[in-house]
């Protein structure tokens, strides 16, 4: 195995670890919101779509205005995206597709996690 593939493998392990940490943080967000909601209004932690995610984020922001879990999940997901783009760069993918993918990813992360 060459040095390049070893570095990519380590970076992809970081992607996996960051993804697991982000998922655990997401479950903590669901749990925090569900503790404040009536049993009929609680969200199922399984089966996510963008509208359901945005609804969860809006509920979390209204119930916990000073809460840091969304910010933490956004940072973890941003770091995961950065590591994925870094792996693509190390593998020698062209810079334009990497920049395009990174730009679209960063824009989506901004709207989902950081824009209030």
C-alpha atoms as a PDB file:
ATOM      1  CA  UNK A   1       0.000   0.000   0.000  1.00  0.00           C
ATOM      2  CA  UNK A   2       1.382   3.378  -0.936  1.00  0.00           C
ATOM      3  CA  UNK A   3       1.654   6.369   1.325  1.00  0.00           C
ATOM      4  CA  UNK A   4      -1.118   8.151  -0.589  1.00  0.00           C
ATOM      5  CA  UNK A   5      -3.637   5.386   0.025  1.00  0.00           C
ATOM      6  CA  UNK A   6      -2.587   5.114   3.664  1.00  0.00           C
ATOM      7  CA  UNK A   7      -3.258   8.826   4.136  1.00  0.00           C
ATOM      8  CA  UNK A   8      -6.610   8.513   2.355  1.00  0.00           C
ATOM      9  CA  UNK A   9      -7.533   5.549   4.534  1.00  0.00           C
ATOM     10  CA  UNK A  10      -6.746   7.541   7.687  1.00  0.00           C
ATOM     11  CA  UNK A  11      -8.756  10.486   6.412  1.00  0.00           C
ATOM     12  CA  UNK A  12     -11.704   8.215   5.632  1.00  0.00           C
ATOM     13  CA  UNK A  13     -11.505   6.762   9.145  1.00  0.00           C
ATOM     14  CA  UNK A  14     -11.797  10.356  10.374  1.00  0.00           C
ATOM     15  CA  UNK A  15     -14.871  10.777   8.141  1.00  0.00           C
ATOM     16  CA  UNK A  16     -16.439   7.734   9.772  1.00  0.00           C
ATOM     17  CA  UNK A  17     -15.638   8.874  13.309  1.00  0.00           C
ATOM     18  CA  UNK A  18     -16.955  12.375  12.625  1.00  0.00           C
ATOM     19  CA  UNK A  19     -20.088  10.902  11.054  1.00  0.00           C
ATOM     20  CA  UNK A  20     -20.740   8.735  14.093  1.00  0.00           C
ATOM     21  CA  UNK A  21     -20.204  11.704  16.421  1.00  0.00           C
ATOM     22  CA  UNK A  22     -22.587  13.788  14.313  1.00  0.00           C
ATOM     23  CA  UNK A  23     -25.204  11.029  14.409  1.00  0.00           C
ATOM     24  CA  UNK A  24     -24.907  10.689  18.191  1.00  0.00           C
ATOM     25  CA  UNK A  25     -25.311  14.463  18.495  1.00  0.00           C
ATOM     26  CA  UNK A  26     -28.384  14.235  16.254  1.00  0.00           C
ATOM     27  CA  UNK A  27     -29.916  11.634  18.561  1.00  0.00           C
ATOM     28  CA  UNK A  28     -29.198  13.960  21.502  1.00  0.00           C
ATOM     29  CA  UNK A  29     -31.029  16.768  19.670  1.00  0.00           C
ATOM     30  CA  UNK A  30     -34.044  14.522  19.053  1.00  0.00           C
ATOM     31  CA  UNK A  31     -34.035  13.423  22.686  1.00  0.00           C
ATOM     32  CA  UNK A  32     -33.797  17.020  23.934  1.00  0.00           C
ATOM     33  CA  UNK A  33     -36.699  18.136  21.743  1.00  0.00           C
ATOM     34  CA  UNK A  34     -38.837  15.088  22.529  1.00  0.00           C
ATOM     35  CA  UNK A  35     -38.534  15.678  26.277  1.00  0.00           C
ATOM     36  CA  UNK A  36     -40.288  19.041  25.830  1.00  0.00           C
ATOM     37  CA  UNK A  37     -43.022  17.856  23.423  1.00  0.00           C
ATOM     38  CA  UNK A  38     -46.304  16.108  24.108  1.00  0.00           C
ATOM     39  CA  UNK A  39     -46.241  12.342  23.414  1.00  0.00           C
ATOM     40  CA  UNK A  40     -48.303  12.754  20.226  1.00  0.00           C
ATOM     41  CA  UNK A  41     -46.006  15.455  18.848  1.00  0.00           C
ATOM     42  CA  UNK A  42     -42.690  13.697  19.518  1.00  0.00           C
ATOM     43  CA  UNK A  43     -40.407  12.901  16.600  1.00  0.00           C
ATOM     44  CA  UNK A  44     -39.364   9.376  15.721  1.00  0.00           C
ATOM     45  CA  UNK A  45     -35.541   9.208  15.679  1.00  0.00           C
ATOM     46  CA  UNK A  46     -35.657   6.880  12.653  1.00  0.00           C
ATOM     47  CA  UNK A  47     -36.484   7.855   9.062  1.00  0.00           C
ATOM     48  CA  UNK A  48     -35.259  11.361   8.249  1.00  0.00           C
ATOM     49  CA  UNK A  49     -35.922  13.702   5.353  1.00  0.00           C
ATOM     50  CA  UNK A  50     -34.978  17.336   4.819  1.00  0.00           C
ATOM     51  CA  UNK A  51     -38.386  18.741   5.896  1.00  0.00           C
ATOM     52  CA  UNK A  52     -38.358  16.635   9.069  1.00  0.00           C
ATOM     53  CA  UNK A  53     -34.778  17.701   9.809  1.00  0.00           C
ATOM     54  CA  UNK A  54     -35.592  21.380   9.324  1.00  0.00           C
ATOM     55  CA  UNK A  55     -38.664  21.035  11.552  1.00  0.00           C
ATOM     56  CA  UNK A  56     -36.503  19.423  14.247  1.00  0.00           C
ATOM     57  CA  UNK A  57     -33.943  22.209  13.979  1.00  0.00           C
ATOM     58  CA  UNK A  58     -36.625  24.894  14.221  1.00  0.00           C
ATOM     59  CA  UNK A  59     -38.155  23.208  17.261  1.00  0.00           C
ATOM     60  CA  UNK A  60     -34.733  22.839  18.889  1.00  0.00           C
ATOM     61  CA  UNK A  61     -33.925  26.523  18.288  1.00  0.00           C
ATOM     62  CA  UNK A  62     -37.268  27.628  19.748  1.00  0.00           C
ATOM     63  CA  UNK A  63     -37.043  25.323  22.786  1.00  0.00           C
ATOM     64  CA  UNK A  64     -33.318  25.847  23.421  1.00  0.00           C
ATOM     65  CA  UNK A  65     -32.322  29.324  22.157  1.00  0.00           C
ATOM     66  CA  UNK A  66     -28.898  29.022  23.807  1.00  0.00           C
ATOM     67  CA  UNK A  67     -28.461  25.329  22.930  1.00  0.00           C
ATOM     68  CA  UNK A  68     -25.179  24.289  21.327  1.00  0.00           C
ATOM     69  CA  UNK A  69     -26.071  20.855  19.969  1.00  0.00           C
ATOM     70  CA  UNK A  70     -27.023  22.108  16.491  1.00  0.00           C
ATOM     71  CA  UNK A  71     -23.824  24.107  16.283  1.00  0.00           C
ATOM     72  CA  UNK A  72     -21.824  21.047  17.383  1.00  0.00           C
ATOM     73  CA  UNK A  73     -23.507  18.836  14.808  1.00  0.00           C
ATOM     74  CA  UNK A  74     -22.865  21.440  12.107  1.00  0.00           C
ATOM     75  CA  UNK A  75     -19.180  21.670  13.004  1.00  0.00           C
ATOM     76  CA  UNK A  76     -18.831  17.879  13.004  1.00  0.00           C
ATOM     77  CA  UNK A  77     -20.565  17.625   9.627  1.00  0.00           C
ATOM     78  CA  UNK A  78     -18.433  20.454   8.212  1.00  0.00           C
ATOM     79  CA  UNK A  79     -15.266  18.710   9.387  1.00  0.00           C
ATOM     80  CA  UNK A  80     -16.535  15.488   7.830  1.00  0.00           C
ATOM     81  CA  UNK A  81     -17.111  17.264   4.491  1.00  0.00           C
ATOM     82  CA  UNK A  82     -13.659  18.847   4.675  1.00  0.00           C
ATOM     83  CA  UNK A  83     -12.027  15.457   5.302  1.00  0.00           C
ATOM     84  CA  UNK A  84     -13.928  13.945   2.394  1.00  0.00           C
ATOM     85  CA  UNK A  85     -12.788  16.748   0.095  1.00  0.00           C
ATOM     86  CA  UNK A  86      -9.245  16.390   1.407  1.00  0.00           C
ATOM     87  CA  UNK A  87      -9.317  12.676   0.584  1.00  0.00           C
ATOM     88  CA  UNK A  88     -10.428  13.525  -2.948  1.00  0.00           C
ATOM     89  CA  UNK A  89      -7.571  15.989  -3.275  1.00  0.00           C
ATOM     90  CA  UNK A  90      -5.014  13.495  -1.995  1.00  0.00           C
ATOM     91  CA  UNK A  91      -6.312  10.909  -4.468  1.00  0.00           C
ATOM     92  CA  UNK A  92      -5.758  13.406  -7.285  1.00  0.00           C
ATOM     93  CA  UNK A  93      -9.293  14.313  -8.273  1.00  0.00           C
ATOM     94  CA  UNK A  94      -9.505  17.524 -10.314  1.00  0.00           C
ATOM     95  CA  UNK A  95      -9.810  20.683  -8.252  1.00  0.00           C
ATOM     96  CA  UNK A  96     -12.907  22.016 -10.038  1.00  0.00           C
ATOM     97  CA  UNK A  97     -15.239  19.129  -9.091  1.00  0.00           C
ATOM     98  CA  UNK A  98     -13.845  19.153  -5.544  1.00  0.00           C
ATOM     99  CA  UNK A  99     -14.452  22.903  -5.272  1.00  0.00           C
ATOM    100  CA  UNK A 100     -17.946  22.531  -6.723  1.00  0.00           C
ATOM    101  CA  UNK A 101     -18.854  19.706  -4.347  1.00  0.00           C
ATOM    102  CA  UNK A 102     -17.324  21.604  -1.412  1.00  0.00           C
ATOM    103  CA  UNK A 103     -19.140  24.814  -2.302  1.00  0.00           C
ATOM    104  CA  UNK A 104     -22.516  23.126  -2.628  1.00  0.00           C
ATOM    105  CA  UNK A 105     -21.881  21.188   0.593  1.00  0.00           C
ATOM    106  CA  UNK A 106     -20.848  24.315   2.485  1.00  0.00           C
ATOM    107  CA  UNK A 107     -23.916  26.186   1.236  1.00  0.00           C
ATOM    108  CA  UNK A 108     -26.233  23.369   2.343  1.00  0.00           C
ATOM    109  CA  UNK A 109     -24.500  23.164   5.723  1.00  0.00           C
ATOM    110  CA  UNK A 110     -24.928  26.898   6.180  1.00  0.00           C
ATOM    111  CA  UNK A 111     -28.670  26.774   5.518  1.00  0.00           C
ATOM    112  CA  UNK A 112     -29.308  23.611   7.537  1.00  0.00           C
ATOM    113  CA  UNK A 113     -27.162  24.238  10.627  1.00  0.00           C
ATOM    114  CA  UNK A 114     -25.882  27.791  10.979  1.00  0.00           C
ATOM    115  CA  UNK A 115     -28.468  30.171   9.483  1.00  0.00           C
ATOM    116  CA  UNK A 116     -31.129  31.171  11.988  1.00  0.00           C
END
